Every structure is written in C-alpha cells, then in structure tokens.
Protein backbone atom coordinates (compact mmCIF):
# COMPACT_ATOMS: atom_id res chain seq x y z
CA UNK A 1 97.28 25.08 -112.60
CA UNK A 2 95.69 22.64 -109.68
CA UNK A 3 96.34 21.90 -106.10
CA UNK A 4 96.48 18.54 -103.82
CA UNK A 5 95.83 17.78 -100.22
CA UNK A 6 96.56 14.94 -98.30
CA UNK A 7 96.36 14.00 -94.65
CA UNK A 8 96.98 10.72 -92.35
CA UNK A 9 95.52 10.49 -88.91
CA UNK A 10 95.17 8.28 -85.74
CA UNK A 11 91.51 8.94 -86.11
CA UNK A 12 89.21 9.53 -89.02
CA UNK A 13 90.64 11.94 -91.39
CA UNK A 14 87.78 12.64 -93.66
CA UNK A 15 86.59 15.78 -92.36
CA UNK A 16 89.83 17.46 -92.84
CA UNK A 17 90.33 15.86 -96.36
CA UNK A 18 87.42 17.16 -97.19
CA UNK A 19 87.76 20.74 -95.97
CA UNK A 20 91.68 20.81 -97.12
CA UNK A 21 90.94 20.05 -100.60
CA UNK A 22 88.22 22.47 -100.76
CA UNK A 23 90.84 25.45 -99.42
CA UNK A 24 92.13 24.76 -103.01
CA UNK A 25 89.11 24.98 -105.01
CA UNK A 26 90.79 28.49 -106.29
CA UNK A 27 93.86 26.82 -108.17
CA UNK A 28 91.62 24.48 -110.57
CA UNK A 29 88.89 24.37 -113.23
CA UNK A 30 87.79 20.96 -114.35
CA UNK A 31 87.88 18.05 -111.88
CA UNK A 32 87.85 17.32 -108.23
CA UNK A 33 88.57 14.23 -106.57
CA UNK A 34 89.19 12.42 -103.08
CA UNK A 35 90.21 8.91 -102.48
CA UNK A 36 90.40 7.31 -98.72
CA UNK A 37 91.97 4.03 -97.49
CA UNK A 38 89.44 2.37 -95.26
CA UNK A 39 91.21 -0.36 -94.13
CA UNK A 40 90.03 -2.66 -96.55
CA UNK A 41 90.01 -0.72 -99.94
CA UNK A 42 90.40 2.51 -101.51
CA UNK A 43 87.29 4.31 -101.94
CA UNK A 44 87.27 7.37 -104.54
CA UNK A 45 85.12 9.98 -105.94
CA UNK A 46 85.88 12.39 -108.84
CA UNK A 47 83.52 15.19 -110.01
CA UNK A 48 83.28 17.94 -112.65
CA UNK A 49 83.53 21.68 -110.98
CA UNK A 50 83.48 23.61 -113.78
CA UNK A 51 79.86 24.78 -112.93
CA UNK A 52 79.48 24.24 -109.23
CA UNK A 53 81.43 24.42 -106.24
CA UNK A 54 83.69 21.40 -104.61
CA UNK A 55 81.63 21.69 -101.21
CA UNK A 56 78.09 21.00 -103.17
CA UNK A 57 79.59 18.37 -105.22
CA UNK A 58 81.23 16.07 -102.82
CA UNK A 59 79.18 16.73 -99.46
CA UNK A 60 76.56 14.08 -100.53
CA UNK A 61 79.15 11.42 -100.78
CA UNK A 62 80.74 11.84 -97.69
CA UNK A 63 78.92 9.17 -95.65
CA UNK A 64 80.42 6.41 -97.96
CA UNK A 65 83.99 7.71 -96.86
CA UNK A 66 85.87 6.63 -93.56
CA UNK A 67 89.50 6.13 -92.84
CA UNK A 68 92.66 7.44 -91.36
CA UNK A 69 94.62 8.23 -94.67
CA UNK A 70 93.33 10.15 -97.63
CA UNK A 71 94.39 12.25 -100.66
CA UNK A 72 92.36 14.95 -102.67
CA UNK A 73 92.85 17.24 -105.76
CA UNK A 74 91.63 20.09 -107.53
CA UNK A 75 92.54 19.73 -110.95
CA UNK A 76 92.68 21.72 -114.31
CA UNK A 77 92.16 19.04 -116.50
CA UNK A 78 92.41 15.05 -116.01
CA UNK A 79 90.21 13.19 -113.86
CA UNK A 80 91.95 11.81 -110.60
CA UNK A 81 92.88 10.06 -108.13
CA UNK A 82 93.48 7.40 -109.76
CA UNK A 83 93.42 3.71 -108.19
CA UNK A 84 96.27 1.38 -109.69
CA UNK A 85 97.03 -2.11 -109.28
CA UNK A 86 100.59 -2.99 -109.45
CA UNK A 87 103.19 -5.47 -108.49
CA UNK A 88 103.99 -2.74 -105.96
CA UNK A 89 100.75 -3.17 -104.50
CA UNK A 90 97.32 -1.01 -104.87
CA UNK A 91 97.81 2.71 -104.42
CA UNK A 92 95.76 6.03 -105.33
CA UNK A 93 97.52 9.02 -106.94
CA UNK A 94 96.93 12.33 -107.65
CA UNK A 95 99.33 15.13 -109.34
CA UNK A 96 99.89 18.68 -110.21
CA UNK A 97 101.65 18.37 -113.40
CA UNK A 98 102.38 19.66 -116.82
CA UNK A 99 104.29 17.40 -119.13
CA UNK A 100 105.62 18.81 -122.08
CA UNK A 101 106.79 15.08 -123.54
CA UNK A 102 103.52 13.42 -123.02
CA UNK A 103 103.97 12.48 -126.99
CA UNK A 104 107.46 10.96 -126.56
CA UNK A 105 106.85 9.20 -123.13
CA UNK A 106 103.39 7.59 -124.41
CA UNK A 107 105.75 6.18 -127.56
CA UNK A 108 107.94 4.68 -125.37
CA UNK A 109 105.15 3.08 -123.13
CA UNK A 110 103.37 1.66 -126.31
CA UNK A 111 106.97 0.29 -127.39
CA UNK A 112 107.00 -1.68 -124.42
CA UNK A 113 103.51 -2.84 -125.00
CA UNK A 114 101.97 -0.98 -122.06
CA UNK A 115 98.42 -0.18 -122.40
CA UNK A 116 96.14 2.70 -120.71
CA UNK A 117 92.88 3.17 -120.11
CA UNK A 118 90.48 5.38 -122.52
CA UNK A 119 90.12 8.83 -121.14
CA UNK A 120 86.97 10.87 -121.93
CA UNK A 121 88.72 13.80 -123.70
CA UNK A 122 90.55 11.21 -126.17
CA UNK A 123 94.01 11.48 -124.55
CA UNK A 124 95.92 9.75 -122.46
CA UNK A 125 95.31 10.72 -118.64
CA UNK A 126 98.75 12.03 -117.64
CA UNK A 127 98.14 11.22 -113.85
CA UNK A 128 97.91 7.37 -115.40
CA UNK A 129 101.39 8.31 -117.35
CA UNK A 130 103.00 9.12 -114.29
CA UNK A 131 101.72 5.91 -112.41
CA UNK A 132 102.41 4.17 -115.17
CA UNK A 133 106.65 5.45 -115.02
CA UNK A 134 106.28 4.94 -111.06
CA UNK A 135 105.67 1.13 -111.67
CA UNK A 136 108.52 0.65 -114.06
CA UNK A 137 110.78 0.49 -110.87
CA UNK A 138 110.98 -1.78 -107.95
CA UNK A 139 110.04 0.23 -104.93
CA UNK A 140 107.84 3.87 -104.66
CA UNK A 141 110.64 5.88 -104.08
CA UNK A 142 112.57 4.93 -106.83
CA UNK A 143 109.77 5.07 -109.32
CA UNK A 144 108.93 8.27 -108.22
CA UNK A 145 112.37 9.61 -108.86
CA UNK A 146 112.73 7.75 -112.10
CA UNK A 147 109.56 9.28 -113.10
CA UNK A 148 110.42 12.82 -112.21
CA UNK A 149 113.69 12.48 -114.22
CA UNK A 150 111.84 11.43 -117.23
CA UNK A 151 109.54 14.17 -117.38
CA UNK A 152 109.72 17.55 -118.88
CA UNK A 153 107.85 20.16 -117.50
CA UNK A 154 106.97 19.55 -113.76
CA UNK A 155 105.35 17.12 -111.75
CA UNK A 156 104.15 17.24 -108.18
CA UNK A 157 102.30 14.22 -106.60
CA UNK A 158 100.85 12.57 -103.62
CA UNK A 159 100.44 8.63 -103.33
CA UNK A 160 98.54 6.72 -101.12
CA UNK A 161 98.95 3.43 -99.99
CA UNK A 162 97.84 1.08 -96.85
CA UNK A 163 100.10 2.36 -94.69
CA UNK A 164 100.91 6.37 -95.54
CA UNK A 165 101.14 9.07 -98.20
CA UNK A 166 104.40 9.54 -100.44
CA UNK A 167 104.61 13.37 -101.11
CA UNK A 168 106.97 14.33 -103.72
CA UNK A 169 107.57 17.81 -105.07
CA UNK A 170 108.55 18.46 -108.79
CA UNK A 171 112.31 18.61 -109.28
CA UNK A 172 112.72 22.45 -109.73
CA UNK A 173 109.94 23.13 -106.86
CA UNK A 174 108.15 25.08 -109.10
CA UNK A 175 104.82 23.77 -107.28
CA UNK A 176 104.99 24.19 -103.64
CA UNK A 177 104.15 21.56 -101.03
CA UNK A 178 103.80 22.26 -97.31
CA UNK A 179 103.54 19.65 -94.55
CA UNK A 180 101.21 20.34 -91.24
CA UNK A 181 100.97 18.62 -88.06
CA UNK A 182 98.61 18.52 -85.35
CA UNK A 183 98.12 16.17 -82.46
CA UNK A 184 96.58 13.25 -84.06
CA UNK A 185 98.43 13.56 -87.47
CA UNK A 186 99.61 15.39 -90.51
CA UNK A 187 98.83 17.17 -93.61
CA UNK A 188 100.35 18.09 -96.51
CA UNK A 189 99.33 20.70 -98.87
CA UNK A 190 99.68 22.92 -102.11
CA UNK A 191 98.21 25.85 -100.24
CA UNK A 192 99.29 26.29 -96.64
CA UNK A 193 95.79 28.23 -96.25
CA UNK A 194 94.18 24.91 -95.64
CA UNK A 195 95.97 24.58 -92.11
CA UNK A 196 94.89 27.09 -89.82
CA UNK A 197 91.01 26.47 -89.64
CA UNK A 198 92.08 22.62 -89.50
CA UNK A 199 94.35 23.30 -86.35
CA UNK A 200 97.49 22.14 -88.58
CA UNK A 201 100.57 24.18 -87.82
CA UNK A 202 102.87 24.36 -90.87
CA UNK A 203 105.91 22.44 -90.06
CA UNK A 204 108.19 22.10 -93.10
CA UNK A 205 108.46 22.61 -96.94
CA UNK A 206 108.84 19.97 -99.38
CA UNK A 207 112.28 20.67 -101.06
CA UNK A 208 112.87 20.16 -104.84
CA UNK A 209 112.83 16.62 -105.82
CA UNK A 210 112.31 15.64 -102.22
CA UNK A 211 110.30 12.56 -101.29
CA UNK A 212 108.81 12.24 -98.02
CA UNK A 213 106.78 9.62 -96.53
CA UNK A 214 103.82 10.49 -93.91
CA UNK A 215 102.19 7.85 -91.51
CA UNK A 216 99.92 8.91 -88.84
CA UNK A 217 103.01 8.37 -85.95
CA UNK A 218 105.71 10.44 -88.06
CA UNK A 219 107.23 11.58 -91.18
CA UNK A 220 110.18 9.98 -93.04
CA UNK A 221 112.19 11.53 -95.72
CA UNK A 222 112.71 8.76 -98.26
CA UNK A 223 114.85 10.96 -100.57
CA UNK A 224 116.63 14.42 -100.01
CA UNK A 225 115.72 17.63 -102.05
CA UNK A 226 117.86 18.65 -104.86
CA UNK A 227 119.85 21.78 -105.09
CA UNK A 228 118.26 23.67 -107.95
CA UNK A 229 115.06 25.37 -107.08
CA UNK A 230 112.85 27.45 -109.33
CA UNK A 231 109.71 28.37 -107.34
CA UNK A 232 107.09 29.65 -109.62
CA UNK A 233 107.06 33.77 -109.09
CA UNK A 234 103.37 33.94 -110.17
CA UNK A 235 102.35 32.10 -107.39
CA UNK A 236 102.59 35.04 -105.03
CA UNK A 237 101.55 37.42 -107.78
CA UNK A 238 98.27 35.92 -108.75
CA UNK A 239 97.62 31.84 -108.08
CA UNK A 240 98.13 31.58 -104.41
CA UNK A 241 95.62 32.56 -102.01
CA UNK A 242 96.68 35.77 -99.63
CA UNK A 243 96.59 33.39 -96.53
CA UNK A 244 99.16 31.06 -98.18
CA UNK A 245 102.92 31.09 -97.45
CA UNK A 246 105.59 29.74 -100.01
CA UNK A 247 109.15 29.16 -99.13
CA UNK A 248 107.94 31.03 -95.44
CA UNK A 249 106.97 34.08 -97.43
CA UNK A 250 103.14 35.24 -97.45
CA UNK A 251 101.50 36.03 -100.53
CA UNK A 252 99.75 39.01 -99.00
CA UNK A 253 102.99 40.24 -97.83
CA UNK A 254 104.47 40.26 -101.44
CA UNK A 255 101.52 41.67 -102.98
CA UNK A 256 101.74 44.94 -100.41
CA UNK A 257 105.44 45.02 -101.57
CA UNK A 258 104.51 44.75 -105.07
CA UNK A 259 102.13 47.51 -104.60
CA UNK A 260 104.60 49.66 -102.57
CA UNK A 261 107.24 49.30 -105.52
CA UNK A 262 104.63 50.50 -108.04
CA UNK A 263 104.10 53.46 -106.07
CA UNK A 264 107.72 54.69 -105.50
CA UNK A 265 108.18 54.12 -109.25
CA UNK A 266 105.36 56.20 -110.34
CA UNK A 267 104.77 60.08 -110.88
CA UNK A 268 101.00 59.91 -111.27
CA UNK A 269 98.81 61.47 -108.67
CA UNK A 270 95.39 59.97 -108.96
CA UNK A 271 92.14 60.82 -106.95
CA UNK A 272 92.10 57.15 -105.42
CA UNK A 273 93.59 53.70 -105.86
CA UNK A 274 91.43 50.43 -106.57
CA UNK A 275 92.43 46.99 -106.99
CA UNK A 276 90.86 44.38 -109.81
CA UNK A 277 89.15 42.43 -107.61
CA UNK A 278 90.72 39.87 -106.02
CA UNK A 279 93.99 39.06 -106.74
CA UNK A 280 94.44 43.06 -107.33
CA UNK A 281 93.55 43.90 -104.04
CA UNK A 282 96.67 43.21 -102.19
CA UNK A 283 98.74 45.20 -104.49
CA UNK A 284 96.27 48.29 -104.58
CA UNK A 285 96.61 48.33 -100.72
CA UNK A 286 100.19 48.44 -100.96
CA UNK A 287 100.31 51.15 -103.84
CA UNK A 288 97.72 53.27 -101.89
CA UNK A 289 99.37 52.91 -98.45
CA UNK A 290 102.97 53.72 -99.67
CA UNK A 291 101.75 56.71 -101.78
CA UNK A 292 99.71 57.66 -98.91
CA UNK A 293 96.24 58.47 -101.10
CA UNK A 294 92.94 56.80 -100.50
CA UNK A 295 91.63 53.32 -101.39
CA UNK A 296 88.52 52.98 -102.85
CA UNK A 297 86.32 50.17 -104.35
CA UNK A 298 84.55 51.54 -107.75
CA UNK A 299 84.06 47.70 -108.63
CA UNK A 300 82.59 45.22 -106.61
CA UNK A 301 82.59 41.44 -107.42
CA UNK A 302 79.08 39.49 -107.00
CA UNK A 303 80.51 36.02 -106.17
CA UNK A 304 77.22 34.32 -104.77
CA UNK A 305 76.17 33.02 -108.04
CA UNK A 306 78.83 33.66 -110.53
CA UNK A 307 81.74 31.35 -110.78
CA UNK A 308 85.39 32.06 -111.25
CA UNK A 309 85.65 33.62 -114.72
CA UNK A 310 88.43 31.32 -115.84
CA UNK A 311 86.61 27.97 -114.92
CA UNK A 312 84.13 27.96 -118.23
CA UNK A 313 86.13 25.97 -120.99
CA UNK A 314 84.50 28.30 -123.67
CA UNK A 315 86.53 31.66 -123.80
CA UNK A 316 83.05 33.49 -124.79
CA UNK A 317 81.30 32.39 -121.29
CA UNK A 318 84.82 33.36 -119.54
CA UNK A 319 84.45 36.78 -120.79
CA UNK A 320 80.60 36.71 -120.07
CA UNK A 321 81.35 35.55 -116.65
CA UNK A 322 83.92 37.91 -115.73
CA UNK A 323 81.89 40.85 -117.12
CA UNK A 324 78.71 40.15 -115.32
CA UNK A 325 80.11 39.18 -111.63
CA UNK A 326 81.79 42.89 -111.65
CA UNK A 327 79.77 45.47 -110.57
CA UNK A 328 80.59 49.25 -111.18
CA UNK A 329 79.83 51.90 -108.63
CA UNK A 330 79.12 54.78 -110.98
CA UNK A 331 79.23 57.46 -108.06
CA UNK A 332 82.87 56.61 -107.79
CA UNK A 333 83.50 56.77 -110.83
CA UNK A 334 82.25 59.88 -112.77
CA UNK A 335 84.72 62.58 -112.87
CA UNK A 336 87.60 60.56 -110.79
CA UNK A 337 91.06 60.10 -111.89
CA UNK A 338 91.12 56.35 -110.87
CA UNK A 339 94.64 54.27 -110.79
CA UNK A 340 93.99 50.40 -111.04
CA UNK A 341 96.20 47.52 -109.73
CA UNK A 342 96.05 44.33 -111.06
CA UNK A 343 98.16 41.07 -111.17
CA UNK A 344 98.92 40.84 -114.81
CA UNK A 345 97.40 41.13 -118.15
CA UNK A 346 97.24 37.89 -119.95
CA UNK A 347 94.94 38.77 -123.22
CA UNK A 348 93.61 41.94 -122.32
CA UNK A 349 90.07 41.30 -123.57
CA UNK A 350 88.17 41.99 -120.54
CA UNK A 351 90.24 44.88 -119.21
CA UNK A 352 89.57 46.63 -122.41
CA UNK A 353 85.94 46.04 -121.87
CA UNK A 354 86.23 46.99 -118.37
CA UNK A 355 88.29 50.68 -119.42
CA UNK A 356 85.62 51.41 -121.73
CA UNK A 357 82.91 50.99 -119.23
CA UNK A 358 84.75 53.29 -116.70
CA UNK A 359 85.02 56.07 -119.37
CA UNK A 360 81.32 55.59 -120.44
CA UNK A 361 80.58 55.83 -116.64
CA UNK A 362 82.28 59.04 -116.57
CA UNK A 363 85.85 58.71 -115.47
CA UNK A 364 88.54 61.41 -116.40
CA UNK A 365 91.20 58.96 -116.34
CA UNK A 366 92.18 55.43 -116.10
CA UNK A 367 95.73 54.18 -115.27
CA UNK A 368 96.86 50.89 -115.00
CA UNK A 369 99.49 49.32 -112.80
CA UNK A 370 100.59 45.78 -113.39
CA UNK A 371 102.24 43.67 -110.30
CA UNK A 372 104.50 41.67 -112.55
CA UNK A 373 106.56 42.72 -116.07
CA UNK A 374 104.88 41.99 -119.09
CA UNK A 375 103.67 38.40 -119.90
CA UNK A 376 105.81 37.41 -123.20
CA UNK A 377 106.36 33.40 -123.16
CA UNK A 378 103.50 30.89 -122.67
CA UNK A 379 104.36 28.74 -119.47
CA UNK A 380 106.13 25.78 -120.14
CA UNK A 381 106.15 24.19 -116.81
CA UNK A 382 102.33 24.71 -115.29
CA UNK A 383 99.17 25.15 -116.73
CA UNK A 384 99.04 29.00 -116.59
CA UNK A 385 98.66 30.11 -120.20
CA UNK A 386 99.15 26.81 -121.72
CA UNK A 387 96.19 26.53 -123.45
CA UNK A 388 96.77 29.78 -125.40
CA UNK A 389 98.95 30.34 -128.64
CA UNK A 390 102.01 32.75 -127.87
CA UNK A 391 100.00 35.12 -130.06
CA UNK A 392 96.81 35.29 -127.33
CA UNK A 393 99.59 36.99 -125.18
CA UNK A 394 99.06 40.75 -125.04
CA UNK A 395 102.90 41.54 -124.86
CA UNK A 396 103.52 39.23 -127.79
CA UNK A 397 100.57 40.55 -129.97
CA UNK A 398 102.44 43.99 -129.32
CA UNK A 399 105.86 42.97 -130.16
CA UNK A 400 104.52 40.93 -133.46
CA UNK A 401 102.97 44.34 -134.43
CA UNK A 402 105.76 46.45 -133.73
CA UNK A 403 108.48 44.07 -135.29
CA UNK A 404 106.06 42.67 -138.16
CA UNK A 405 107.10 39.07 -137.75
CA UNK A 406 105.96 36.23 -135.34
CA UNK A 407 109.19 35.11 -134.51
CA UNK A 408 111.66 37.78 -133.19
CA UNK A 409 115.37 36.77 -132.59
CA UNK A 410 116.17 35.67 -128.72
CA UNK A 411 118.32 38.90 -128.67
CA UNK A 412 115.12 41.16 -129.70
CA UNK A 413 112.73 39.54 -127.32
CA UNK A 414 115.44 40.05 -124.45
CA UNK A 415 115.15 43.99 -125.29
CA UNK A 416 111.58 44.11 -124.97
CA UNK A 417 111.34 42.13 -121.64
CA UNK A 418 113.93 44.55 -120.46
CA UNK A 419 112.74 47.47 -118.57
CA UNK A 420 114.06 50.88 -119.83
CA UNK A 421 114.51 49.82 -123.33
CA UNK A 422 113.12 51.52 -125.96
CA UNK A 423 111.63 48.28 -127.52
CA UNK A 424 110.11 47.56 -123.79
CA UNK A 425 108.54 51.09 -123.66
CA UNK A 426 107.16 50.62 -127.29
CA UNK A 427 105.40 47.35 -126.24
CA UNK A 428 104.03 48.72 -123.37
CA UNK A 429 102.61 51.94 -125.24
CA UNK A 430 101.27 49.76 -128.17
CA UNK A 431 99.48 47.70 -125.40
CA UNK A 432 98.48 51.23 -123.39
CA UNK A 433 96.82 52.34 -126.57
CA UNK A 434 95.39 49.19 -127.43
CA UNK A 435 93.48 49.01 -123.88
CA UNK A 436 92.93 53.26 -124.34
CA UNK A 437 94.10 53.65 -120.82
CA UNK A 438 95.53 57.01 -119.78
CA UNK A 439 98.78 55.40 -118.56
CA UNK A 440 100.09 52.16 -118.22
CA UNK A 441 103.15 50.64 -116.10
CA UNK A 442 104.50 47.14 -115.38
CA UNK A 443 106.73 46.15 -112.60
CA UNK A 444 110.26 45.98 -113.20
CA UNK A 445 111.66 42.25 -112.79
CA UNK A 446 114.33 43.39 -110.16
CA UNK A 447 111.57 45.22 -107.75
CA UNK A 448 109.63 41.85 -108.32
CA UNK A 449 112.24 39.68 -107.00
CA UNK A 450 112.94 42.01 -104.10
CA UNK A 451 109.34 42.12 -103.25
CA UNK A 452 109.20 38.26 -103.17
CA UNK A 453 112.43 37.97 -101.15
CA UNK A 454 114.20 35.11 -102.85
CA UNK A 455 117.36 35.38 -104.91
CA UNK A 456 116.24 35.35 -108.83
CA UNK A 457 118.29 32.18 -109.17
CA UNK A 458 115.57 30.47 -107.28
CA UNK A 459 112.32 31.78 -108.77
CA UNK A 460 111.08 30.97 -112.42
CA UNK A 461 110.58 33.77 -114.34
CA UNK A 462 110.22 32.69 -117.67
CA UNK A 463 106.73 33.75 -118.70
CA UNK A 464 108.39 37.19 -118.26
CA UNK A 465 112.05 37.09 -119.48
CA UNK A 466 112.14 33.80 -121.07
CA UNK A 467 114.67 32.52 -118.55
CA UNK A 468 114.87 28.84 -116.92
CA UNK A 469 117.99 28.73 -115.32
CA UNK A 470 118.92 25.21 -116.69
C-alpha cells in the first residue's frame, strides 16, 4: 500500500522526519525515501527496504540532511521521492498511488512529445507520471486537481517546495492523511501513530480531494474536500497500525468490535481463543472478552531477524518467512479445541500449512473466524492483492470450482458475496475443506460496517462485494 510523512518546522525537522517515516514501515515492501529542502537545494536519499529495516538503511545518511521542510515515503514499488524541475519551480514529490490507467496516460504524454526518465523496472515511474500531469497546469493547486481528475484508481501525495508542503488526499479518500501540530510546526501522515512520540497532536483529517498547504507558521486550505468519500475499510481490519485512527476511529477499537461481532454470532465453545500474530490479535481479544473465554498464544512471532512475510517479492520466500517466524507452543496445542481469529484469508496457502502443523501437534479442533467478509474481487484502488490474479484469491478459487467457470455473472458473484445465501455457505464450506479446518466463519458485511462506525456509502468495500459506489 505505502505511506507518506511530511513535516514543516521553525526549527530543524530532520529528526521528526526520520522517525515519522519509520512509523510507516509496516505499510510498504520495496522502497523508502526522504527529501529535505535545506534552504539552498533539495537533498534526497532512496534505499531498498526489501531485506532490511528503514532505520538501519537511512541512519548513516542523516548527517547530510538539515532543514525545516521535509517529506518521506515508504513505497510498495517505485523509487521516490523524486526531485522535479519545471516551469512551476523545483519541487520534490511522494505518492501513495494505484493508477489503473497508466498505459492511457502514458500514451497521451508521448502524444505531447513528453519524455520520462528510465526506470530500473523497465516501466514508467508512477510518481514521475503524476508530477508530469501536475506540470501541465499553471499552479500547483490546479496541477494537483487536474492530475487527480485524470487518474483512475487513487493518488494521495505530498509535494515539497522551498516554501512548504502541499498535501492532497485522493479524490475518494481511500487512503488517509492526517495533520498533526506542535509548538514549532506541523506534520502530515498516512498513519497518525507517527504523532504521539514526536509530540504532535492530531489536528484534522485531510478530506477527499482536499488540498492543503503547510508552512512552519500555519496551514491554508487551497482546495476544499469533495463530498463523495470511500475510505478503504481494510485499513482498520489489516493495514493500519493499532495506534492509528482514521476519520477519528481507532484501529484497535474497530478490531475489538469485529471480534465481539464474531463472538455474538458464534455457537462454538472452544477451550480458548488465539489471534494469528499480529493483526489477528485485536480481533481475538474482542472475541475472547465478549465470549468470556480465555485468550492464549499457541503461536508466538519471532521478529528480531525475520522481516514481514509480505516483504520479499518472491512468493516462495514469502511463504518461508511467514512459516519460520511463527513458533508453535506445543504445550498449548495438544488436545485443545482452539479458535483462531485473523484479519482475512487472501490465498490461504500459509494458513493451510499452519492448520496442518496444529493438527500434527495434537490439536483436537481448529476453528477459524475471519474479521472481514470473503475476499472475492482484487483491489482496483490500492496496492492490496493487485499483484495477484483474481484466481489467487481463495474466495474466487472456491467460486470457480463450484461454478465450473472463471467468470460467473455479476448476479451470481453477488450471491456468493451475500452472507446467508446457499451459494455463500457453499463457498465457505469449500474453503474450510481445502484448509482442513474444523469450522470457518467470516464476518458479515453489516457487522463489519457497524464495527467501523461509518455509513457504508462512506466506505470502500469493493474487494468483498464488488461495490464502489460511483
């Protein structure tokens, strides 16, 4: 998915910038970067984070950074920040973007005899394309607005000039941006968990399509927010850090409420409840407390040397990392009826291996409760599941097996996505059998929406029901 952080200060901002970006490390898989205006020029550094942590990669570079204005990014794909020279002036830019019409926008650019720098991946850097779209206008505000109007998918960005930072949230508000304030300046972040230890107080959310300009002495709204919001629901379920809040709603609180909803709709009485570390823990605590049964940890995560399981680009290595870093506690497994809570089932490969290990360790029963509905549609708006084909999703594989065709009609898919229908139950049973689970239940959409606490029309639920409310 990726995340951005920027700060403006009446004093040197580099320490806040460095640690603020680091608090977004959980959001990206491939590149990290930071850029500072030092009063004379832009200073920039980009490093790979595929096999190492942000702090260890960037700390040796800090001595070359100084200044009162800076931006940074944790990215899933392209190298950024970029420093761009243009008729608008020189600026640095970072994005969290999923541009589904890249090919069309690129063809149009070539039609204007525009050129792009060579990318190490052989493809145009999406952030450079966004910068090129901005440069078609006469002002930064108009350029950002026009770029976002042309982009299909989503694009949230920070743009650093010698005077301050433009912060712009994507037009549907799918990715968050929160502004924080302290005595000597301001910060803007994808994740508000970056604020407390840097002494920032969350001040306001940037609205869908809104553009604000931050300078050390104040904030100006340059373009008001749009009415139609569809913030990504999966932020609360999986992506977001427990200490973060979006639209004023805390991640850990939502996960607790999701677990409670799963418990209220369940008739299984296990010996104890467990969460798949880490994102399943909040859901499991809610389940255990509301069901009034013990919470235990039959799996513990070894994090000192093993990175996040989705970081390696190779699927075989991702599976190895996910398996090696979870250590089973056999004394808590043997002869036990265990109910696990997890955020989601995407492919199900690693979960199947875990279930087999649990039964091999002597578990009497293994039940699984998933905090969201079944994933059926790849995400069209963020970088979640976009590298996978539709049939990589466990839900869609089950539908294909049951229907005998890869592309059922929208009406049929809608039935599978609706809790309580015969087709939905057949899909869940197929997934349960494939994973060798004693029982499997997913969260109902209405319960998920209630747990988040926003109206459904303000949430993006596309990956579960194909709905985008355009």
